[in-house]
Amino acid sequence: MVRDPLTPAERARGERLGVLLRELRGPRSIVEIAAEAGISPETLRKIESGRIATPAFFTVANLATALGTSLDVLAAATEPAGVP
């Protein structure tokens, strides 16, 4: 099955998520956070760089837990400007 290409809005949301994850990670290593979240370091690198713009829900939930934040914070930060 072939996935539809991502829209520019989906790509932008993925980039915002990546920036936020890098900020929340701070000085902690990708390896450390990935291990806590139960994903590979390469997957986290791809999410942080925006190459995986639409990660699975449970991946994002596990990252939120590993980073000590909530899904609400991640969702709010990745909404486009002007969206309530």
Protein backbone atom coordinates (compact mmCIF):
# COMPACT_ATOMS: atom_id res chain seq x y z
CA MET A 1 0.00 0.00 0.00
CA VAL A 2 1.35 3.40 -0.99
CA ARG A 3 0.87 6.31 1.39
CA ASP A 4 -0.38 9.61 0.09
CA PRO A 5 2.28 12.31 0.09
CA LEU A 6 2.26 14.57 3.12
CA THR A 7 0.71 17.98 2.73
CA PRO A 8 2.81 21.07 3.41
CA ALA A 9 0.81 21.54 6.64
CA GLU A 10 1.64 17.99 7.78
CA ARG A 11 5.32 18.51 7.03
CA ALA A 12 5.32 21.82 8.93
CA ARG A 13 3.61 20.17 11.92
CA GLY A 14 6.25 17.44 11.92
CA GLU A 15 9.01 20.05 11.87
CA ARG A 16 7.42 21.90 14.82
CA LEU A 17 7.17 18.62 16.73
CA GLY A 18 10.84 17.89 16.05
CA VAL A 19 11.94 21.31 17.28
CA LEU A 20 9.87 20.93 20.45
CA LEU A 21 11.22 17.44 21.15
CA ARG A 22 14.80 18.67 20.78
CA GLU A 23 14.06 21.55 23.17
CA LEU A 24 12.44 19.24 25.73
CA ARG A 25 15.30 16.75 25.45
CA GLY A 26 17.79 19.47 26.38
CA PRO A 27 21.21 18.03 27.24
CA ARG A 28 19.93 14.46 27.45
CA SER A 29 21.10 12.21 24.64
CA ILE A 30 18.97 10.83 21.85
CA VAL A 31 19.99 7.34 22.96
CA GLU A 32 18.76 7.94 26.51
CA ILE A 33 15.36 9.36 25.50
CA ALA A 34 14.84 6.76 22.79
CA ALA A 35 15.53 3.94 25.28
CA GLU A 36 13.06 5.42 27.77
CA ALA A 37 10.45 5.77 25.03
CA GLY A 38 11.03 2.25 23.70
CA ILE A 39 12.05 3.37 20.22
CA SER A 40 15.31 3.28 18.33
CA PRO A 41 17.65 6.27 18.41
CA GLU A 42 17.37 6.44 14.61
CA THR A 43 13.58 6.76 14.85
CA LEU A 44 13.94 9.62 17.33
CA ARG A 45 16.52 11.28 15.06
CA LYS A 46 14.08 11.06 12.15
CA ILE A 47 11.22 12.50 14.21
CA GLU A 48 13.39 15.34 15.52
CA SER A 49 14.59 16.17 12.02
CA GLY A 50 11.07 16.07 10.56
CA ARG A 51 11.79 13.07 8.32
CA ILE A 52 9.02 11.22 10.19
CA ALA A 53 6.41 13.98 10.18
CA THR A 54 3.51 11.86 11.39
CA PRO A 55 4.80 9.48 14.07
CA ALA A 56 2.42 6.92 15.56
CA PHE A 57 0.31 8.04 18.51
CA PHE A 58 1.90 5.62 20.96
CA THR A 59 5.37 6.74 19.89
CA VAL A 60 4.47 10.35 20.67
CA ALA A 61 2.82 9.29 23.95
CA ASN A 62 5.94 7.37 25.00
CA LEU A 63 8.15 10.32 24.06
CA ALA A 64 5.97 12.66 26.12
CA THR A 65 6.39 10.39 29.14
CA ALA A 66 10.14 10.05 28.62
CA LEU A 67 10.47 13.83 28.35
CA GLY A 68 8.26 14.53 31.36
CA THR A 69 5.59 16.41 29.45
CA SER A 70 2.01 15.79 28.41
CA LEU A 71 0.38 15.06 25.11
CA ASP A 72 -1.57 18.30 25.53
CA VAL A 73 1.68 20.28 25.53
CA LEU A 74 2.89 18.50 22.39
CA ALA A 75 -0.45 18.93 20.63
CA ALA A 76 -0.73 22.61 21.48
CA ALA A 77 2.82 23.34 20.38
CA THR A 78 2.35 21.66 17.01
CA GLU A 79 -0.87 23.44 16.03
CA PRO A 80 -0.46 26.04 13.33
CA ALA A 81 -0.53 29.66 14.45
CA GLY A 82 -4.05 31.01 14.81
CA VAL A 83 -5.66 27.67 15.66
CA PRO A 84 -7.37 27.70 19.07
